[in-house]
């Protein structure tokens, strides 16, 4: 298929956000009185919507999960928003794709306002036609909903002309839900098993392989 639109997840795909997310999550869980023995493997919170993570991984009630999201947002906004790094090779890849005429977008479960600030801080805003994410209250954070929003905003009427790139099963399932192909990247926080189970169209190990795959698909179709 001749792709014209490429959608990128943010955390674990464009940026390595582990440090910032983990410190904000630890702050929120401490405030909610979650025992230290349960605050393990915080990396699993990178990818899914925050409220889901607090409920699913730490058994917080609806009300307490809402409060935990507030604490997380407070800390993240003020102290750890920019505690992240670009993955090696991602800037040259974006530059190449943009110069070759692809329309690029960010589709993230992170709040749009935070995503835009991070993208601007790293000097990447010029590459993306749209940066789409969740609301600050964690609503509209489902990945299929966000991908659909990108399609509406960019007037993508044929999803076969677009592909979603992400590092977790939520990116893959969100793409599948709207009928879009997807690429799982193993340099982020996902695993080969979860990509296979979720039905990823392709899986790559590195940013270099991601570029090679995108251009090999293009070459095969020409």
N, C-alpha and C. Protein backbone atom coordinates (compact mmCIF):
# COMPACT_ATOMS: atom_id res chain seq x y z
N UNK A 1 0.85 -1.19 0.00
CA UNK A 1 0.00 0.00 0.00
C UNK A 1 0.88 1.23 0.00
N UNK A 2 0.47 2.24 -0.73
CA UNK A 2 1.24 3.48 -0.85
C UNK A 2 0.86 4.42 0.30
N UNK A 3 1.68 4.44 1.35
CA UNK A 3 1.39 5.29 2.49
C UNK A 3 1.66 6.75 2.17
N UNK A 4 0.77 7.61 2.63
CA UNK A 4 0.97 9.05 2.52
C UNK A 4 1.05 9.70 3.90
N UNK A 5 0.49 9.00 4.90
CA UNK A 5 0.41 9.55 6.25
C UNK A 5 1.07 8.58 7.22
N UNK A 6 1.92 9.11 8.10
CA UNK A 6 2.60 8.28 9.08
C UNK A 6 2.32 8.85 10.46
N UNK A 7 1.68 8.05 11.31
CA UNK A 7 1.33 8.46 12.67
C UNK A 7 2.33 7.85 13.64
N UNK A 8 2.85 8.66 14.53
CA UNK A 8 3.81 8.22 15.54
C UNK A 8 3.22 8.34 16.93
N UNK A 9 3.41 7.32 17.74
CA UNK A 9 3.23 7.46 19.17
C UNK A 9 4.37 8.35 19.66
N UNK A 10 4.28 8.86 20.89
CA UNK A 10 5.34 9.74 21.41
C UNK A 10 6.25 9.00 22.38
N UNK A 11 5.75 8.65 23.57
CA UNK A 11 6.57 7.96 24.56
C UNK A 11 6.95 6.57 24.06
N UNK A 12 8.24 6.28 24.08
CA UNK A 12 8.70 4.96 23.66
C UNK A 12 8.85 4.81 22.16
N UNK A 13 8.56 5.89 21.42
CA UNK A 13 8.66 5.84 19.96
C UNK A 13 9.48 7.00 19.42
N UNK A 14 9.16 8.20 19.88
CA UNK A 14 9.94 9.40 19.55
C UNK A 14 10.90 9.74 20.69
N UNK A 15 10.38 9.67 21.92
CA UNK A 15 11.20 10.00 23.09
C UNK A 15 11.25 8.83 24.07
N UNK A 16 12.37 8.74 24.78
CA UNK A 16 12.51 7.83 25.91
C UNK A 16 12.10 8.60 27.15
N UNK A 17 10.90 8.36 27.62
CA UNK A 17 10.30 9.17 28.69
C UNK A 17 10.29 8.46 30.04
N UNK A 18 11.04 7.38 30.14
CA UNK A 18 10.98 6.55 31.33
C UNK A 18 11.20 7.32 32.62
N UNK A 19 12.25 8.13 32.69
CA UNK A 19 12.60 8.80 33.94
C UNK A 19 11.48 9.74 34.41
N UNK A 20 10.95 10.54 33.49
CA UNK A 20 9.93 11.51 33.86
C UNK A 20 8.62 10.86 34.29
N UNK A 21 8.21 9.83 33.57
CA UNK A 21 6.96 9.14 33.89
C UNK A 21 7.08 8.41 35.23
N UNK A 22 8.19 7.73 35.44
CA UNK A 22 8.37 6.97 36.67
C UNK A 22 8.38 7.87 37.90
N UNK A 23 9.05 9.02 37.82
CA UNK A 23 9.11 9.90 38.99
C UNK A 23 7.74 10.49 39.30
N UNK A 24 6.96 10.85 38.27
CA UNK A 24 5.62 11.39 38.49
C UNK A 24 4.69 10.30 39.02
N UNK A 25 4.82 9.09 38.52
CA UNK A 25 3.98 7.98 38.98
C UNK A 25 4.28 7.65 40.44
N UNK A 26 5.56 7.64 40.79
CA UNK A 26 5.93 7.35 42.18
C UNK A 26 5.37 8.42 43.13
N UNK A 27 5.44 9.68 42.70
CA UNK A 27 4.89 10.77 43.52
C UNK A 27 3.40 10.56 43.75
N UNK A 28 2.66 10.25 42.67
CA UNK A 28 1.21 10.06 42.79
C UNK A 28 0.87 8.88 43.68
N UNK A 29 1.58 7.79 43.52
CA UNK A 29 1.29 6.59 44.31
C UNK A 29 1.64 6.80 45.77
N UNK A 30 2.73 7.53 46.04
CA UNK A 30 3.06 7.87 47.42
C UNK A 30 1.95 8.71 48.05
N UNK A 31 1.46 9.68 47.29
CA UNK A 31 0.38 10.55 47.80
C UNK A 31 -0.89 9.75 48.08
N UNK A 32 -1.11 8.69 47.30
CA UNK A 32 -2.31 7.87 47.48
C UNK A 32 -2.10 6.78 48.54
N UNK A 33 -0.90 6.73 49.12
CA UNK A 33 -0.65 5.77 50.19
C UNK A 33 -0.44 4.35 49.74
N UNK A 34 -0.07 4.16 48.47
CA UNK A 34 0.20 2.81 47.97
C UNK A 34 1.52 2.32 48.57
N UNK A 35 1.55 1.14 49.20
CA UNK A 35 2.76 0.64 49.84
C UNK A 35 3.94 0.54 48.86
N UNK A 36 5.12 0.80 49.36
CA UNK A 36 6.33 0.75 48.54
C UNK A 36 6.50 -0.62 47.87
N UNK A 37 6.06 -1.67 48.55
CA UNK A 37 6.22 -3.02 47.99
C UNK A 37 5.41 -3.21 46.71
N UNK A 38 4.37 -2.38 46.51
CA UNK A 38 3.55 -2.49 45.31
C UNK A 38 4.01 -1.56 44.19
N UNK A 39 4.93 -0.63 44.52
CA UNK A 39 5.38 0.33 43.53
C UNK A 39 6.60 -0.25 42.80
N UNK A 40 6.34 -1.19 41.95
CA UNK A 40 7.39 -1.84 41.18
C UNK A 40 7.02 -1.81 39.70
N UNK A 41 8.02 -1.96 38.85
CA UNK A 41 7.81 -2.03 37.41
C UNK A 41 6.94 -0.88 36.90
N UNK A 42 7.33 0.33 37.23
CA UNK A 42 6.55 1.50 36.83
C UNK A 42 6.58 1.73 35.32
N UNK A 43 7.49 1.06 34.62
CA UNK A 43 7.57 1.23 33.17
C UNK A 43 6.30 0.76 32.47
N UNK A 44 5.55 -0.12 33.12
CA UNK A 44 4.32 -0.61 32.49
C UNK A 44 3.28 0.50 32.35
N UNK A 45 3.51 1.63 33.05
CA UNK A 45 2.58 2.75 32.93
C UNK A 45 2.86 3.59 31.69
N UNK A 46 3.94 3.32 30.98
CA UNK A 46 4.26 4.07 29.77
C UNK A 46 3.51 3.44 28.60
N UNK A 47 2.53 4.14 28.11
CA UNK A 47 1.76 3.63 26.98
C UNK A 47 0.27 3.73 27.19
N UNK A 48 -0.29 3.01 28.17
CA UNK A 48 -1.75 3.07 28.36
C UNK A 48 -2.18 4.37 29.00
N UNK A 49 -3.46 4.71 28.91
CA UNK A 49 -3.97 5.90 29.62
C UNK A 49 -3.70 5.80 31.11
N UNK A 50 -3.40 6.93 31.74
CA UNK A 50 -3.02 6.95 33.15
C UNK A 50 -4.07 6.34 34.07
N UNK A 51 -5.32 6.76 33.89
CA UNK A 51 -6.36 6.28 34.78
C UNK A 51 -6.47 4.75 34.71
N UNK A 52 -6.40 4.23 33.50
CA UNK A 52 -6.41 2.77 33.33
C UNK A 52 -5.26 2.15 34.10
N UNK A 53 -4.07 2.73 34.02
CA UNK A 53 -2.89 2.18 34.68
C UNK A 53 -3.07 2.15 36.19
N UNK A 54 -3.57 3.25 36.75
CA UNK A 54 -3.74 3.29 38.20
C UNK A 54 -4.78 2.28 38.67
N UNK A 55 -5.82 2.08 37.88
CA UNK A 55 -6.85 1.11 38.25
C UNK A 55 -6.38 -0.32 38.03
N UNK A 56 -5.78 -0.57 36.87
CA UNK A 56 -5.42 -1.93 36.48
C UNK A 56 -4.20 -2.46 37.24
N UNK A 57 -3.18 -1.63 37.39
CA UNK A 57 -1.92 -2.10 37.97
C UNK A 57 -1.83 -1.92 39.48
N UNK A 58 -2.63 -1.00 40.04
CA UNK A 58 -2.53 -0.72 41.47
C UNK A 58 -3.87 -0.82 42.19
N UNK A 59 -4.88 -1.32 41.49
CA UNK A 59 -6.19 -1.63 42.07
C UNK A 59 -6.84 -0.43 42.76
N UNK A 60 -6.63 0.76 42.21
CA UNK A 60 -7.28 1.94 42.76
C UNK A 60 -8.73 2.02 42.26
N UNK A 61 -9.59 2.52 43.11
CA UNK A 61 -10.99 2.70 42.71
C UNK A 61 -11.08 3.82 41.69
N UNK A 62 -12.26 3.97 41.11
CA UNK A 62 -12.49 5.04 40.13
C UNK A 62 -12.14 6.41 40.73
N UNK A 63 -12.64 6.67 41.93
CA UNK A 63 -12.40 7.95 42.58
C UNK A 63 -10.92 8.16 42.89
N UNK A 64 -10.27 7.13 43.43
CA UNK A 64 -8.86 7.25 43.79
C UNK A 64 -7.98 7.34 42.55
N UNK A 65 -8.37 6.66 41.49
CA UNK A 65 -7.60 6.73 40.25
C UNK A 65 -7.66 8.14 39.67
N UNK A 66 -8.82 8.77 39.75
CA UNK A 66 -8.95 10.16 39.30
C UNK A 66 -8.02 11.08 40.08
N UNK A 67 -7.96 10.85 41.40
CA UNK A 67 -7.10 11.67 42.25
C UNK A 67 -5.63 11.41 41.93
N UNK A 68 -5.29 10.16 41.69
CA UNK A 68 -3.91 9.82 41.35
C UNK A 68 -3.48 10.48 40.04
N UNK A 69 -4.40 10.55 39.09
CA UNK A 69 -4.11 11.23 37.83
C UNK A 69 -3.82 12.70 38.09
N UNK A 70 -4.58 13.33 38.99
CA UNK A 70 -4.34 14.74 39.33
C UNK A 70 -2.94 14.93 39.91
N UNK A 71 -2.56 14.05 40.84
CA UNK A 71 -1.24 14.16 41.46
C UNK A 71 -0.14 13.96 40.41
N UNK A 72 -0.35 12.97 39.54
CA UNK A 72 0.63 12.70 38.48
C UNK A 72 0.80 13.93 37.60
N UNK A 73 -0.31 14.49 37.13
CA UNK A 73 -0.26 15.65 36.24
C UNK A 73 0.45 16.83 36.92
N UNK A 74 0.14 17.03 38.20
CA UNK A 74 0.75 18.14 38.95
C UNK A 74 2.28 18.01 38.95
N UNK A 75 2.76 16.84 39.32
CA UNK A 75 4.21 16.62 39.40
C UNK A 75 4.84 16.66 38.01
N UNK A 76 4.21 15.99 37.06
CA UNK A 76 4.76 15.90 35.71
C UNK A 76 4.88 17.28 35.07
N UNK A 77 3.84 18.08 35.20
CA UNK A 77 3.83 19.42 34.61
C UNK A 77 4.94 20.29 35.20
N UNK A 78 5.11 20.22 36.52
CA UNK A 78 6.02 21.15 37.19
C UNK A 78 7.46 20.65 37.29
N UNK A 79 7.67 19.32 37.27
CA UNK A 79 9.01 18.82 37.58
C UNK A 79 9.62 17.85 36.57
N UNK A 80 8.81 17.10 35.84
CA UNK A 80 9.44 16.05 35.02
C UNK A 80 8.98 16.03 33.57
N UNK A 81 8.32 17.09 33.12
CA UNK A 81 7.81 17.14 31.75
C UNK A 81 8.92 16.95 30.72
N UNK A 82 10.06 17.56 30.98
CA UNK A 82 11.15 17.50 30.01
C UNK A 82 12.24 16.51 30.40
N UNK A 83 11.91 15.62 31.32
CA UNK A 83 12.87 14.59 31.75
C UNK A 83 12.79 13.42 30.79
N UNK A 84 13.24 13.65 29.56
CA UNK A 84 13.18 12.63 28.52
C UNK A 84 14.24 12.93 27.46
N UNK A 85 14.51 11.96 26.61
CA UNK A 85 15.52 12.11 25.56
C UNK A 85 14.97 11.58 24.24
N UNK A 86 15.41 12.18 23.15
CA UNK A 86 15.07 11.65 21.83
C UNK A 86 15.83 10.37 21.58
N UNK A 87 15.19 9.43 20.91
CA UNK A 87 15.91 8.22 20.51
C UNK A 87 16.90 8.56 19.39
N UNK A 88 18.05 7.91 19.44
CA UNK A 88 19.07 8.12 18.42
C UNK A 88 18.51 7.82 17.04
N UNK A 89 18.73 8.73 16.12
CA UNK A 89 18.32 8.52 14.74
C UNK A 89 16.93 8.99 14.40
N UNK A 90 16.15 9.41 15.40
CA UNK A 90 14.76 9.76 15.12
C UNK A 90 14.67 11.07 14.35
N UNK A 91 15.54 12.05 14.65
CA UNK A 91 15.47 13.33 13.96
C UNK A 91 15.82 13.18 12.47
N UNK A 92 16.91 12.50 12.11
CA UNK A 92 17.19 12.29 10.69
C UNK A 92 16.07 11.55 9.96
N UNK A 93 15.42 10.61 10.64
CA UNK A 93 14.31 9.88 10.02
C UNK A 93 13.14 10.82 9.74
N UNK A 94 12.77 11.63 10.72
CA UNK A 94 11.67 12.58 10.53
C UNK A 94 12.00 13.56 9.42
N UNK A 95 13.23 14.03 9.39
CA UNK A 95 13.67 14.97 8.35
C UNK A 95 13.53 14.35 6.97
N UNK A 96 13.96 13.11 6.84
CA UNK A 96 13.91 12.42 5.56
C UNK A 96 12.47 12.20 5.11
N UNK A 97 11.63 11.74 6.03
CA UNK A 97 10.24 11.48 5.69
C UNK A 97 9.51 12.77 5.29
N UNK A 98 9.76 13.83 6.03
CA UNK A 98 9.11 15.11 5.72
C UNK A 98 9.57 15.63 4.36
N UNK A 99 10.86 15.54 4.10
CA UNK A 99 11.40 16.02 2.83
C UNK A 99 10.88 15.20 1.65
N UNK A 100 10.52 13.95 1.91
CA UNK A 100 10.01 13.08 0.85
C UNK A 100 8.50 13.18 0.67
N UNK A 101 7.89 14.12 1.38
CA UNK A 101 6.49 14.41 1.13
C UNK A 101 5.47 13.69 1.99
N UNK A 102 5.92 12.93 2.98
CA UNK A 102 4.96 12.28 3.87
C UNK A 102 4.33 13.31 4.81
N UNK A 103 3.08 13.08 5.16
CA UNK A 103 2.41 13.87 6.19
C UNK A 103 2.57 13.13 7.51
N UNK A 104 3.16 13.79 8.50
CA UNK A 104 3.47 13.14 9.77
C UNK A 104 2.57 13.68 10.88
N UNK A 105 2.23 12.80 11.82
CA UNK A 105 1.37 13.20 12.94
C UNK A 105 1.82 12.49 14.20
N UNK A 106 1.54 13.11 15.33
CA UNK A 106 1.70 12.48 16.64
C UNK A 106 0.33 12.03 17.12
N UNK A 107 0.22 10.77 17.53
CA UNK A 107 -1.02 10.23 18.11
C UNK A 107 -0.63 9.57 19.43
N UNK A 108 -0.86 10.27 20.53
CA UNK A 108 -0.38 9.83 21.84
C UNK A 108 -1.49 9.88 22.88
N UNK A 109 -1.39 9.02 23.89
CA UNK A 109 -2.33 9.06 25.00
C UNK A 109 -1.94 10.12 26.02
N UNK A 110 -0.76 10.71 25.86
CA UNK A 110 -0.34 11.83 26.71
C UNK A 110 -1.22 13.03 26.40
N UNK A 111 -1.53 13.89 27.37
CA UNK A 111 -2.31 15.09 27.07
C UNK A 111 -1.69 15.92 25.94
N UNK A 112 -2.53 16.41 25.07
CA UNK A 112 -2.05 17.17 23.91
C UNK A 112 -1.16 18.33 24.33
N UNK A 113 -1.55 19.04 25.38
CA UNK A 113 -0.79 20.22 25.81
C UNK A 113 0.63 19.83 26.23
N UNK A 114 0.79 18.68 26.89
CA UNK A 114 2.13 18.23 27.28
C UNK A 114 2.92 17.76 26.07
N UNK A 115 2.25 17.02 25.19
CA UNK A 115 2.92 16.50 24.01
C UNK A 115 3.47 17.63 23.15
N UNK A 116 2.67 18.67 22.97
CA UNK A 116 3.12 19.81 22.15
C UNK A 116 4.33 20.50 22.78
N UNK A 117 4.31 20.67 24.09
CA UNK A 117 5.43 21.32 24.76
C UNK A 117 6.72 20.50 24.61
N UNK A 118 6.59 19.19 24.71
CA UNK A 118 7.77 18.32 24.57
C UNK A 118 8.30 18.37 23.14
N UNK A 119 7.40 18.27 22.17
CA UNK A 119 7.80 18.31 20.78
C UNK A 119 8.47 19.65 20.45
N UNK A 120 7.90 20.73 20.97
CA UNK A 120 8.48 22.06 20.73
C UNK A 120 9.85 22.18 21.39
N UNK A 121 9.98 21.65 22.62
CA UNK A 121 11.25 21.73 23.34
C UNK A 121 12.37 21.04 22.56
N UNK A 122 12.05 19.95 21.90
CA UNK A 122 13.05 19.20 21.14
C UNK A 122 13.21 19.71 19.70
N UNK A 123 12.47 20.76 19.36
CA UNK A 123 12.59 21.34 18.04
C UNK A 123 12.01 20.49 16.92
N UNK A 124 10.97 19.71 17.25
CA UNK A 124 10.40 18.78 16.27
C UNK A 124 9.06 19.23 15.70
N UNK A 125 8.51 20.33 16.19
CA UNK A 125 7.15 20.70 15.82
C UNK A 125 7.00 20.91 14.32
N UNK A 126 8.08 21.31 13.65
CA UNK A 126 8.02 21.59 12.20
C UNK A 126 7.78 20.33 11.37
N UNK A 127 8.01 19.17 11.96
CA UNK A 127 7.84 17.94 11.20
C UNK A 127 6.41 17.43 11.19
N UNK A 128 5.60 17.88 12.14
CA UNK A 128 4.28 17.27 12.34
C UNK A 128 3.15 18.24 11.96
N UNK A 129 2.22 17.73 11.17
CA UNK A 129 1.05 18.51 10.78
C UNK A 129 0.03 18.59 11.90
N UNK A 130 0.05 17.61 12.80
CA UNK A 130 -0.87 17.63 13.93
C UNK A 130 -0.25 16.86 15.08
N UNK A 131 -0.47 17.36 16.30
CA UNK A 131 -0.09 16.66 17.53
C UNK A 131 -1.37 16.41 18.29
N UNK A 132 -1.80 15.16 18.35
CA UNK A 132 -3.08 14.80 18.96
C UNK A 132 -2.87 13.90 20.17
N UNK A 133 -3.56 14.24 21.25
CA UNK A 133 -3.45 13.44 22.47
C UNK A 133 -4.73 13.50 23.27
N UNK A 134 -4.61 13.19 24.55
CA UNK A 134 -5.76 13.16 25.45
C UNK A 134 -6.02 14.54 26.04
N UNK A 135 -7.14 14.66 26.75
CA UNK A 135 -7.42 15.85 27.54
C UNK A 135 -6.69 15.73 28.88
N UNK A 136 -6.55 16.83 29.59
CA UNK A 136 -5.83 16.81 30.86
C UNK A 136 -6.49 15.93 31.91
N UNK A 137 -7.80 15.73 31.81
CA UNK A 137 -8.49 14.87 32.77
C UNK A 137 -8.43 13.40 32.38
N UNK A 138 -7.58 13.09 31.36
CA UNK A 138 -7.37 11.74 30.87
C UNK A 138 -8.54 11.21 30.05
N UNK A 139 -9.50 12.07 29.71
CA UNK A 139 -10.57 11.65 28.81
C UNK A 139 -10.07 11.72 27.38
N UNK A 140 -10.79 11.04 26.50
CA UNK A 140 -10.42 10.96 25.09
C UNK A 140 -8.98 10.45 24.93
N UNK A 141 -8.62 9.46 25.77
CA UNK A 141 -7.25 8.96 25.77
C UNK A 141 -7.10 7.61 25.09
N UNK A 142 -8.22 7.01 24.65
CA UNK A 142 -8.14 5.74 23.95
C UNK A 142 -7.42 5.90 22.63
N UNK A 143 -6.53 4.98 22.30
CA UNK A 143 -5.70 5.17 21.11
C UNK A 143 -6.52 5.15 19.83
N UNK A 144 -7.54 4.32 19.73
CA UNK A 144 -8.35 4.31 18.52
C UNK A 144 -9.08 5.64 18.34
N UNK A 145 -9.52 6.23 19.46
CA UNK A 145 -10.19 7.53 19.42
C UNK A 145 -9.23 8.62 18.93
N UNK A 146 -7.99 8.56 19.41
CA UNK A 146 -6.99 9.55 19.02
C UNK A 146 -6.61 9.39 17.55
N UNK A 147 -6.44 8.15 17.11
CA UNK A 147 -6.12 7.90 15.70
C UNK A 147 -7.25 8.38 14.80
N UNK A 148 -8.48 8.13 15.22
CA UNK A 148 -9.63 8.59 14.44
C UNK A 148 -9.65 10.11 14.35
N UNK A 149 -9.29 10.75 15.45
CA UNK A 149 -9.25 12.23 15.46
C UNK A 149 -8.21 12.74 14.46
N UNK A 150 -7.03 12.10 14.44
CA UNK A 150 -5.99 12.48 13.47
C UNK A 150 -6.52 12.34 12.05
N UNK A 151 -7.19 11.23 11.79
CA UNK A 151 -7.74 10.99 10.44
C UNK A 151 -8.74 12.08 10.05
N UNK A 152 -9.58 12.46 11.00
CA UNK A 152 -10.56 13.51 10.72
C UNK A 152 -9.87 14.85 10.43
N UNK A 153 -8.89 15.18 11.25
CA UNK A 153 -8.22 16.47 11.10
C UNK A 153 -7.40 16.56 9.82
N UNK A 154 -6.83 15.44 9.39
CA UNK A 154 -6.00 15.43 8.19
C UNK A 154 -6.77 15.00 6.94
N UNK A 155 -8.08 14.79 7.11
CA UNK A 155 -8.94 14.36 5.99
C UNK A 155 -8.42 13.07 5.35
N UNK A 156 -8.08 12.12 6.22
CA UNK A 156 -7.66 10.80 5.75
C UNK A 156 -8.91 9.95 5.57
N UNK A 157 -9.38 9.83 4.35
CA UNK A 157 -10.60 9.08 4.07
C UNK A 157 -10.32 7.61 3.79
N UNK A 158 -9.09 7.31 3.40
CA UNK A 158 -8.69 5.94 3.13
C UNK A 158 -7.56 5.58 4.09
N UNK A 159 -7.90 4.83 5.16
CA UNK A 159 -6.90 4.52 6.18
C UNK A 159 -5.80 3.61 5.65
N UNK A 160 -6.01 3.01 4.48
CA UNK A 160 -4.95 2.20 3.89
C UNK A 160 -3.78 3.05 3.41
N UNK A 161 -3.97 4.37 3.39
CA UNK A 161 -2.89 5.27 3.02
C UNK A 161 -2.09 5.74 4.24
N UNK A 162 -2.44 5.21 5.41
CA UNK A 162 -1.78 5.63 6.65
C UNK A 162 -1.27 4.42 7.42
N UNK A 163 -0.28 4.66 8.28
CA UNK A 163 0.25 3.60 9.13
C UNK A 163 0.58 4.19 10.50
N UNK A 164 0.33 3.40 11.55
CA UNK A 164 0.58 3.82 12.93
C UNK A 164 1.84 3.15 13.43
N UNK A 165 2.72 3.94 14.07
CA UNK A 165 3.97 3.42 14.63
C UNK A 165 3.96 3.63 16.13
N UNK A 166 4.17 2.57 16.90
CA UNK A 166 4.17 2.70 18.35
C UNK A 166 4.91 1.57 19.03
N UNK A 167 5.04 1.68 20.33
CA UNK A 167 5.85 0.73 21.08
C UNK A 167 5.05 -0.16 22.03
N UNK A 168 3.72 -0.01 22.05
CA UNK A 168 2.93 -0.84 22.94
C UNK A 168 1.73 -1.41 22.21
N UNK A 169 1.13 -2.42 22.79
CA UNK A 169 -0.01 -3.10 22.18
C UNK A 169 -1.18 -2.15 21.96
N UNK A 170 -1.28 -1.10 22.78
CA UNK A 170 -2.38 -0.14 22.65
C UNK A 170 -2.31 0.59 21.30
N UNK A 171 -1.10 0.86 20.83
CA UNK A 171 -0.93 1.49 19.53
C UNK A 171 -1.40 0.55 18.41
N UNK A 172 -1.05 -0.71 18.55
CA UNK A 172 -1.40 -1.70 17.54
C UNK A 172 -2.92 -1.94 17.52
N UNK A 173 -3.48 -2.14 18.71
CA UNK A 173 -4.92 -2.38 18.79
C UNK A 173 -5.73 -1.17 18.34
N UNK A 174 -5.22 0.03 18.66
CA UNK A 174 -5.90 1.24 18.23
C UNK A 174 -5.92 1.35 16.72
N UNK A 175 -4.79 1.01 16.08
CA UNK A 175 -4.73 1.02 14.62
C UNK A 175 -5.65 -0.03 14.03
N UNK A 176 -5.63 -1.22 14.61
CA UNK A 176 -6.50 -2.29 14.11
C UNK A 176 -7.97 -1.90 14.19
N UNK A 177 -8.33 -1.18 15.24
CA UNK A 177 -9.73 -0.81 15.45
C UNK A 177 -10.26 0.09 14.35
N UNK A 178 -9.37 0.87 13.73
CA UNK A 178 -9.82 1.76 12.65
C UNK A 178 -9.44 1.21 11.27
N UNK A 179 -8.87 0.00 11.24
CA UNK A 179 -8.52 -0.63 9.98
C UNK A 179 -7.20 -0.18 9.40
N UNK A 180 -6.32 0.36 10.24
CA UNK A 180 -5.03 0.89 9.79
C UNK A 180 -3.91 -0.11 10.09
N UNK A 181 -2.93 -0.19 9.20
CA UNK A 181 -1.77 -1.04 9.46
C UNK A 181 -0.88 -0.39 10.51
N UNK A 182 0.05 -1.19 11.07
CA UNK A 182 0.84 -0.69 12.19
C UNK A 182 2.24 -1.29 12.20
N UNK A 183 3.13 -0.58 12.88
CA UNK A 183 4.50 -1.05 13.09
C UNK A 183 4.79 -0.98 14.58
N UNK A 184 5.21 -2.10 15.16
CA UNK A 184 5.63 -2.12 16.55
C UNK A 184 7.14 -1.95 16.63
N UNK A 185 7.59 -1.03 17.51
CA UNK A 185 9.03 -0.78 17.64
C UNK A 185 9.54 -1.36 18.96
N UNK A 186 10.53 -2.21 18.87
CA UNK A 186 11.04 -2.90 20.06
C UNK A 186 12.06 -2.09 20.83
N UNK A 187 12.48 -0.94 20.31
CA UNK A 187 13.41 -0.11 21.08
C UNK A 187 12.70 0.68 22.17
N UNK A 188 11.35 0.62 22.20
CA UNK A 188 10.58 1.29 23.23
C UNK A 188 10.32 0.36 24.41
N UNK A 189 9.05 0.25 24.84
CA UNK A 189 8.73 -0.49 26.06
C UNK A 189 7.89 -1.74 25.83
N UNK A 190 7.60 -2.04 24.58
CA UNK A 190 6.81 -3.22 24.28
C UNK A 190 7.67 -4.45 24.03
N UNK A 191 7.01 -5.58 23.82
CA UNK A 191 7.71 -6.84 23.57
C UNK A 191 7.22 -7.45 22.26
N UNK A 192 8.03 -8.31 21.71
CA UNK A 192 7.65 -9.00 20.48
C UNK A 192 6.36 -9.79 20.69
N UNK A 193 6.24 -10.44 21.83
CA UNK A 193 5.05 -11.24 22.11
C UNK A 193 3.78 -10.39 22.10
N UNK A 194 3.83 -9.20 22.74
CA UNK A 194 2.62 -8.38 22.78
C UNK A 194 2.27 -7.84 21.40
N UNK A 195 3.29 -7.55 20.58
CA UNK A 195 3.02 -7.09 19.22
C UNK A 195 2.39 -8.19 18.39
N UNK A 196 2.92 -9.39 18.54
CA UNK A 196 2.36 -10.52 17.79
C UNK A 196 0.94 -10.81 18.23
N UNK A 197 0.70 -10.79 19.53
CA UNK A 197 -0.64 -11.06 20.05
C UNK A 197 -1.64 -9.98 19.62
N UNK A 198 -1.16 -8.73 19.53
CA UNK A 198 -2.04 -7.62 19.17
C UNK A 198 -2.27 -7.55 17.67
N UNK A 199 -1.43 -8.22 16.88
CA UNK A 199 -1.63 -8.25 15.44
C UNK A 199 -0.93 -7.13 14.69
N UNK A 200 0.30 -6.78 15.11
CA UNK A 200 1.06 -5.76 14.40
C UNK A 200 1.34 -6.20 12.97
N UNK A 201 1.27 -5.25 12.05
CA UNK A 201 1.56 -5.57 10.65
C UNK A 201 3.05 -5.84 10.45
N UNK A 202 3.87 -5.08 11.19
CA UNK A 202 5.33 -5.21 11.10
C UNK A 202 5.91 -4.97 12.49
N UNK A 203 7.13 -5.48 12.70
CA UNK A 203 7.86 -5.23 13.95
C UNK A 203 9.31 -4.95 13.59
N UNK A 204 9.88 -3.90 14.21
CA UNK A 204 11.29 -3.57 13.99
C UNK A 204 12.00 -3.43 15.32
N UNK A 205 13.32 -3.56 15.27
CA UNK A 205 14.13 -3.50 16.50
C UNK A 205 14.67 -2.11 16.80
N UNK A 206 14.99 -1.34 15.77
CA UNK A 206 15.68 -0.08 15.96
C UNK A 206 15.06 1.02 15.08
N UNK A 207 15.47 2.27 15.36
CA UNK A 207 15.02 3.38 14.52
C UNK A 207 15.55 3.18 13.10
N UNK A 208 16.77 2.70 12.97
CA UNK A 208 17.34 2.45 11.64
C UNK A 208 16.49 1.45 10.86
N UNK A 209 16.09 0.37 11.52
CA UNK A 209 15.24 -0.64 10.88
C UNK A 209 13.88 -0.05 10.51
N UNK A 210 13.38 0.85 11.34
CA UNK A 210 12.10 1.50 11.05
C UNK A 210 12.18 2.25 9.73
N UNK A 211 13.23 3.04 9.56
CA UNK A 211 13.41 3.77 8.31
C UNK A 211 13.56 2.83 7.13
N UNK A 212 14.34 1.79 7.31
CA UNK A 212 14.56 0.82 6.23
C UNK A 212 13.24 0.15 5.84
N UNK A 213 12.42 -0.17 6.83
CA UNK A 213 11.13 -0.81 6.54
C UNK A 213 10.22 0.13 5.76
N UNK A 214 10.10 1.37 6.23
CA UNK A 214 9.22 2.32 5.55
C UNK A 214 9.63 2.52 4.09
N UNK A 215 10.91 2.59 3.85
CA UNK A 215 11.37 2.81 2.48
C UNK A 215 11.38 1.54 1.65
N UNK A 216 11.49 0.38 2.30
CA UNK A 216 11.38 -0.87 1.55
C UNK A 216 9.94 -1.11 1.11
N UNK A 217 8.99 -0.73 1.97
CA UNK A 217 7.57 -0.82 1.59
C UNK A 217 7.30 0.08 0.39
N UNK A 218 7.83 1.30 0.46
CA UNK A 218 7.65 2.25 -0.64
C UNK A 218 8.25 1.72 -1.93
N UNK A 219 9.46 1.16 -1.83
CA UNK A 219 10.14 0.65 -3.03
C UNK A 219 9.39 -0.53 -3.64
N UNK A 220 8.87 -1.40 -2.78
CA UNK A 220 8.13 -2.57 -3.28
C UNK A 220 6.90 -2.17 -4.05
N UNK A 221 6.33 -1.01 -3.69
CA UNK A 221 5.07 -0.60 -4.31
C UNK A 221 5.29 0.22 -5.58
N UNK A 222 6.50 0.71 -5.76
CA UNK A 222 6.76 1.54 -6.92
C UNK A 222 7.05 0.71 -8.18
